[in-house]
Every structure is written in C-alpha cells, then in structure tokens.
Amino acid sequence: MALRQHLHLQCNTAAGGKFWIAQIHDDPPRVTVNWGPTRSQGQTKSYDVNSMSEAFTFVSKKKKEKLAKGYYEVASSPPREPVQPTPRKQTDKTIMKDLMSGADTKDWFF
C-alpha cells in the first residue's frame, strides 16, 4: 500500500492544541486518519473507499470542515517524528522579569 497524499492540520487551543492528519493510500484505496491532542499519539481510524476519487473527495470534505473550525494546514508531505518542546530554564534574571511582567508562576522550573 503506497502513500499517495498526506495532509496535516493543527488547531491552537487553551489546552495546547490538537491535530488532524489524513493519509490517502492506494491498492486498495484507503484513507487513514489520526487525530488528538498535539502532544499525544492520538487516535487512528482507517476508512476503506471504492476509488481514489472517493478518497480525495472524503479528505477534501473533511479538510474544509476542519478549516472552518479554526484548523490550519501544517504540512502536505509524510510526517516526521514529533518534536517535544524543551522547557525554558529559569534563572534569577528570568524569574524577576516574569514577576515584573505579571507572568503566571506555576510555569517556573527550579
């Protein structure tokens, strides 16, 4: 089963964001969708379709729905391994700067 097309959408939320990824495969025609919170593996579901045309129509319709909900396109090529963010190192200088700016203290790392 060869990968024919890949679509990666993301949406920013207060909880950190979420993703929606669709992959169209041929022989047999199939659409695999992966979705969930940005920093997780998410859930995966495969849809068997009758033709490549039906697969492209399915993904196009879902993309339109997701864009209307605030998602934006991140990539149109096969995905890479997710990169985990590195926490910001707190120093006396950054702690004072955070205090002066009124930043939330729960994010401090000591």
N, C-alpha and C. Protein backbone atom coordinates (compact mmCIF):
# COMPACT_ATOMS: atom_id res chain seq x y z
N MET A 1 0.85 -1.17 0.00
CA MET A 1 0.00 0.00 0.00
C MET A 1 0.90 1.24 0.00
N ALA A 2 0.86 2.01 -1.06
CA ALA A 2 1.71 3.18 -1.19
C ALA A 2 0.98 4.44 -0.74
N LEU A 3 1.71 5.32 -0.06
CA LEU A 3 1.15 6.59 0.38
C LEU A 3 1.06 7.51 -0.83
N ARG A 4 -0.13 8.03 -1.08
CA ARG A 4 -0.33 8.91 -2.22
C ARG A 4 -0.40 10.38 -1.82
N GLN A 5 -1.02 10.66 -0.67
CA GLN A 5 -1.13 12.05 -0.22
C GLN A 5 -1.20 12.09 1.29
N HIS A 6 -0.68 13.16 1.86
CA HIS A 6 -0.64 13.35 3.31
C HIS A 6 -1.10 14.78 3.59
N LEU A 7 -2.00 14.94 4.56
CA LEU A 7 -2.49 16.25 4.95
C LEU A 7 -2.41 16.36 6.47
N HIS A 8 -1.75 17.40 6.98
CA HIS A 8 -1.58 17.61 8.42
C HIS A 8 -2.17 18.96 8.78
N LEU A 9 -3.20 18.95 9.64
CA LEU A 9 -3.83 20.17 10.11
C LEU A 9 -3.64 20.28 11.62
N GLN A 10 -3.58 21.51 12.13
CA GLN A 10 -3.48 21.75 13.57
C GLN A 10 -4.43 22.86 13.97
N CYS A 11 -4.78 22.87 15.26
CA CYS A 11 -5.64 23.91 15.81
C CYS A 11 -5.10 24.28 17.19
N ASN A 12 -4.90 25.56 17.44
CA ASN A 12 -4.43 26.01 18.74
C ASN A 12 -5.60 26.11 19.70
N THR A 13 -5.41 25.59 20.92
CA THR A 13 -6.42 25.68 21.96
C THR A 13 -5.76 26.09 23.26
N ALA A 14 -6.56 26.43 24.24
CA ALA A 14 -6.03 26.81 25.55
C ALA A 14 -5.28 25.65 26.20
N ALA A 15 -5.66 24.42 25.86
CA ALA A 15 -5.02 23.23 26.44
C ALA A 15 -3.75 22.84 25.70
N GLY A 16 -3.36 23.54 24.66
CA GLY A 16 -2.12 23.26 23.97
C GLY A 16 -2.26 22.90 22.51
N GLY A 17 -3.46 22.62 22.04
CA GLY A 17 -3.67 22.37 20.64
C GLY A 17 -4.04 20.94 20.32
N LYS A 18 -4.47 20.76 19.08
CA LYS A 18 -4.84 19.43 18.61
C LYS A 18 -4.46 19.30 17.15
N PHE A 19 -4.41 18.06 16.67
CA PHE A 19 -4.01 17.81 15.28
C PHE A 19 -5.02 16.91 14.60
N TRP A 20 -4.98 16.91 13.28
CA TRP A 20 -5.78 16.02 12.45
C TRP A 20 -4.93 15.71 11.22
N ILE A 21 -4.61 14.44 11.02
CA ILE A 21 -3.76 14.02 9.91
C ILE A 21 -4.50 13.00 9.07
N ALA A 22 -4.52 13.20 7.77
CA ALA A 22 -5.14 12.25 6.84
C ALA A 22 -4.08 11.77 5.85
N GLN A 23 -4.08 10.46 5.61
CA GLN A 23 -3.19 9.86 4.62
C GLN A 23 -4.03 9.05 3.64
N ILE A 24 -3.80 9.29 2.36
CA ILE A 24 -4.50 8.54 1.32
C ILE A 24 -3.54 7.50 0.76
N HIS A 25 -3.96 6.24 0.79
CA HIS A 25 -3.16 5.13 0.27
C HIS A 25 -3.88 4.53 -0.93
N ASP A 26 -3.10 3.92 -1.82
CA ASP A 26 -3.72 3.21 -2.94
C ASP A 26 -3.44 1.72 -2.83
N ASP A 27 -4.18 0.94 -3.58
CA ASP A 27 -4.01 -0.51 -3.70
C ASP A 27 -4.08 -1.26 -2.37
N PRO A 28 -5.19 -1.40 -1.75
CA PRO A 28 -6.52 -0.88 -2.10
C PRO A 28 -6.68 0.56 -1.63
N PRO A 29 -7.60 1.29 -2.24
CA PRO A 29 -7.82 2.68 -1.82
C PRO A 29 -8.27 2.72 -0.36
N ARG A 30 -7.61 3.57 0.43
CA ARG A 30 -7.91 3.67 1.86
C ARG A 30 -7.48 5.04 2.37
N VAL A 31 -8.25 5.57 3.32
CA VAL A 31 -7.90 6.81 4.00
C VAL A 31 -7.66 6.47 5.46
N THR A 32 -6.50 6.86 5.98
CA THR A 32 -6.18 6.67 7.40
C THR A 32 -6.13 8.03 8.05
N VAL A 33 -6.90 8.19 9.13
CA VAL A 33 -6.99 9.47 9.83
C VAL A 33 -6.46 9.28 11.25
N ASN A 34 -5.64 10.23 11.69
CA ASN A 34 -5.07 10.24 13.04
C ASN A 34 -5.38 11.61 13.63
N TRP A 35 -5.94 11.64 14.87
CA TRP A 35 -6.31 12.91 15.48
C TRP A 35 -6.15 12.84 16.99
N GLY A 36 -6.02 14.02 17.61
CA GLY A 36 -5.94 14.08 19.06
C GLY A 36 -5.19 15.30 19.54
N PRO A 37 -4.90 15.34 20.85
CA PRO A 37 -4.11 16.45 21.40
C PRO A 37 -2.71 16.47 20.80
N THR A 38 -2.14 17.63 20.62
CA THR A 38 -0.86 17.80 19.94
C THR A 38 0.26 16.96 20.53
N ARG A 39 0.35 16.85 21.83
CA ARG A 39 1.46 16.11 22.44
C ARG A 39 1.10 14.68 22.78
N SER A 40 0.30 14.04 21.92
CA SER A 40 -0.09 12.65 22.14
C SER A 40 -0.01 11.88 20.83
N GLN A 41 -0.15 10.57 20.92
CA GLN A 41 -0.21 9.73 19.72
C GLN A 41 -1.58 9.87 19.05
N GLY A 42 -2.59 10.24 19.81
CA GLY A 42 -3.93 10.40 19.27
C GLY A 42 -4.60 9.08 18.96
N GLN A 43 -5.69 9.17 18.24
CA GLN A 43 -6.46 8.01 17.81
C GLN A 43 -6.30 7.84 16.31
N THR A 44 -6.46 6.61 15.82
CA THR A 44 -6.33 6.34 14.40
C THR A 44 -7.51 5.52 13.93
N LYS A 45 -8.01 5.85 12.75
CA LYS A 45 -9.09 5.09 12.13
C LYS A 45 -8.85 5.04 10.64
N SER A 46 -9.11 3.87 10.03
CA SER A 46 -8.96 3.70 8.59
C SER A 46 -10.33 3.56 7.94
N TYR A 47 -10.47 4.15 6.78
CA TYR A 47 -11.71 4.09 6.01
C TYR A 47 -11.40 3.45 4.66
N ASP A 48 -12.05 2.32 4.36
CA ASP A 48 -11.93 1.71 3.04
C ASP A 48 -12.87 2.46 2.10
N VAL A 49 -12.36 2.83 0.95
CA VAL A 49 -13.16 3.53 -0.05
C VAL A 49 -13.12 2.75 -1.35
N ASN A 50 -14.03 3.06 -2.26
CA ASN A 50 -14.14 2.31 -3.51
C ASN A 50 -13.16 2.76 -4.59
N SER A 51 -12.68 4.00 -4.50
CA SER A 51 -11.79 4.52 -5.54
C SER A 51 -10.92 5.63 -4.97
N MET A 52 -9.88 5.98 -5.69
CA MET A 52 -9.02 7.09 -5.27
C MET A 52 -9.81 8.40 -5.31
N SER A 53 -10.71 8.52 -6.27
CA SER A 53 -11.54 9.71 -6.37
C SER A 53 -12.38 9.88 -5.10
N GLU A 54 -12.95 8.80 -4.60
CA GLU A 54 -13.73 8.84 -3.37
C GLU A 54 -12.85 9.21 -2.17
N ALA A 55 -11.62 8.72 -2.16
CA ALA A 55 -10.67 9.04 -1.08
C ALA A 55 -10.35 10.53 -1.08
N PHE A 56 -10.04 11.09 -2.25
CA PHE A 56 -9.72 12.51 -2.34
C PHE A 56 -10.93 13.38 -1.96
N THR A 57 -12.13 12.95 -2.36
CA THR A 57 -13.34 13.69 -2.01
C THR A 57 -13.57 13.67 -0.51
N PHE A 58 -13.37 12.51 0.13
CA PHE A 58 -13.52 12.38 1.58
C PHE A 58 -12.58 13.33 2.31
N VAL A 59 -11.30 13.32 1.95
CA VAL A 59 -10.31 14.16 2.62
C VAL A 59 -10.58 15.64 2.35
N SER A 60 -10.96 15.97 1.13
CA SER A 60 -11.25 17.36 0.79
C SER A 60 -12.41 17.90 1.62
N LYS A 61 -13.46 17.09 1.78
CA LYS A 61 -14.62 17.49 2.57
C LYS A 61 -14.23 17.69 4.04
N LYS A 62 -13.47 16.75 4.59
CA LYS A 62 -13.04 16.85 5.99
C LYS A 62 -12.12 18.06 6.20
N LYS A 63 -11.24 18.32 5.22
CA LYS A 63 -10.33 19.47 5.32
C LYS A 63 -11.14 20.77 5.40
N LYS A 64 -12.15 20.88 4.56
CA LYS A 64 -12.99 22.08 4.55
C LYS A 64 -13.68 22.26 5.91
N GLU A 65 -14.19 21.16 6.49
CA GLU A 65 -14.83 21.22 7.80
C GLU A 65 -13.84 21.67 8.88
N LYS A 66 -12.64 21.10 8.85
CA LYS A 66 -11.63 21.42 9.86
C LYS A 66 -11.17 22.87 9.74
N LEU A 67 -10.96 23.36 8.53
CA LEU A 67 -10.54 24.75 8.34
C LEU A 67 -11.61 25.71 8.86
N ALA A 68 -12.88 25.35 8.70
CA ALA A 68 -13.98 26.19 9.21
C ALA A 68 -13.99 26.22 10.73
N LYS A 69 -13.43 25.18 11.38
CA LYS A 69 -13.39 25.11 12.84
C LYS A 69 -12.13 25.75 13.43
N GLY A 70 -11.27 26.34 12.59
CA GLY A 70 -10.09 27.02 13.10
C GLY A 70 -8.78 26.29 12.92
N TYR A 71 -8.79 25.13 12.27
CA TYR A 71 -7.55 24.41 11.98
C TYR A 71 -6.80 25.14 10.87
N TYR A 72 -5.51 24.90 10.78
CA TYR A 72 -4.70 25.44 9.69
C TYR A 72 -3.77 24.34 9.19
N GLU A 73 -3.38 24.45 7.93
CA GLU A 73 -2.55 23.41 7.32
C GLU A 73 -1.10 23.57 7.76
N VAL A 74 -0.50 22.46 8.20
CA VAL A 74 0.88 22.45 8.65
C VAL A 74 1.78 21.85 7.58
N ALA A 75 1.37 20.73 7.00
CA ALA A 75 2.23 20.03 6.04
C ALA A 75 1.39 19.26 5.04
N SER A 76 1.98 19.01 3.89
CA SER A 76 1.34 18.19 2.88
C SER A 76 2.30 17.09 2.42
N SER A 77 3.21 16.69 3.27
CA SER A 77 4.16 15.63 2.96
C SER A 77 4.15 14.63 4.12
N PRO A 78 4.77 13.47 3.98
CA PRO A 78 4.76 12.50 5.07
C PRO A 78 5.31 13.09 6.37
N PRO A 79 4.71 12.72 7.51
CA PRO A 79 5.09 13.32 8.80
C PRO A 79 6.43 12.82 9.30
N ARG A 80 7.06 13.63 10.14
CA ARG A 80 8.28 13.24 10.83
C ARG A 80 7.92 12.93 12.27
N GLU A 81 8.87 12.43 13.01
CA GLU A 81 8.66 12.17 14.43
C GLU A 81 8.35 13.50 15.14
N PRO A 82 7.39 13.51 16.08
CA PRO A 82 7.08 14.75 16.79
C PRO A 82 8.26 15.23 17.63
N VAL A 83 8.41 16.53 17.71
CA VAL A 83 9.49 17.14 18.49
C VAL A 83 8.89 17.66 19.78
N GLN A 84 9.45 17.25 20.90
CA GLN A 84 8.97 17.71 22.20
C GLN A 84 9.65 19.03 22.55
N PRO A 85 8.89 20.03 23.02
CA PRO A 85 9.50 21.30 23.37
C PRO A 85 10.41 21.17 24.59
N THR A 86 11.47 21.97 24.60
CA THR A 86 12.39 21.99 25.72
C THR A 86 11.93 23.07 26.69
N PRO A 87 11.75 22.73 27.97
CA PRO A 87 11.31 23.76 28.92
C PRO A 87 12.34 24.88 29.05
N ARG A 88 11.85 26.07 29.25
CA ARG A 88 12.73 27.22 29.41
C ARG A 88 13.40 27.14 30.77
N LYS A 89 14.71 27.32 30.79
CA LYS A 89 15.46 27.29 32.04
C LYS A 89 15.24 28.60 32.78
N GLN A 90 14.85 28.48 34.03
CA GLN A 90 14.60 29.67 34.84
C GLN A 90 15.88 30.10 35.54
N THR A 91 16.17 31.36 35.46
CA THR A 91 17.30 31.95 36.17
C THR A 91 16.75 33.09 37.02
N ASP A 92 17.59 33.61 37.89
CA ASP A 92 17.16 34.74 38.72
C ASP A 92 16.66 35.88 37.85
N LYS A 93 17.36 36.10 36.74
CA LYS A 93 17.01 37.20 35.84
C LYS A 93 15.63 36.98 35.21
N THR A 94 15.36 35.74 34.72
CA THR A 94 14.06 35.48 34.08
C THR A 94 12.94 35.44 35.11
N ILE A 95 13.22 34.99 36.34
CA ILE A 95 12.20 34.98 37.38
C ILE A 95 11.80 36.41 37.72
N MET A 96 12.78 37.30 37.86
CA MET A 96 12.48 38.70 38.14
C MET A 96 11.70 39.33 36.98
N LYS A 97 12.10 39.00 35.76
CA LYS A 97 11.41 39.55 34.59
C LYS A 97 9.96 39.06 34.59
N ASP A 98 9.74 37.76 34.90
CA ASP A 98 8.38 37.22 34.96
C ASP A 98 7.57 37.90 36.05
N LEU A 99 8.19 38.12 37.21
CA LEU A 99 7.49 38.78 38.30
C LEU A 99 7.08 40.20 37.92
N MET A 100 7.98 40.90 37.24
CA MET A 100 7.71 42.28 36.83
C MET A 100 6.61 42.34 35.77
N SER A 101 6.53 41.30 34.92
CA SER A 101 5.53 41.31 33.85
C SER A 101 4.20 40.72 34.29
N GLY A 102 4.16 40.12 35.49
CA GLY A 102 2.93 39.52 35.99
C GLY A 102 2.67 38.14 35.43
N ALA A 103 3.72 37.45 34.97
CA ALA A 103 3.56 36.11 34.40
C ALA A 103 3.11 35.12 35.46
N ASP A 104 2.47 34.05 35.01
CA ASP A 104 1.98 33.01 35.90
C ASP A 104 3.16 32.24 36.48
N THR A 105 3.22 32.12 37.81
CA THR A 105 4.37 31.49 38.47
C THR A 105 4.32 29.97 38.44
N LYS A 106 3.22 29.35 38.03
CA LYS A 106 3.15 27.88 38.01
C LYS A 106 4.06 27.27 36.95
N ASP A 107 4.52 28.05 35.98
CA ASP A 107 5.38 27.54 34.92
C ASP A 107 6.87 27.62 35.27
N TRP A 108 7.20 28.01 36.46
CA TRP A 108 8.61 28.15 36.82
C TRP A 108 9.25 26.79 37.02
N PHE A 109 10.49 26.66 36.61
CA PHE A 109 11.27 25.44 36.80
C PHE A 109 12.49 25.79 37.65
N PHE A 110 12.73 25.06 38.69
CA PHE A 110 13.90 25.31 39.53
C PHE A 110 14.84 24.15 39.46
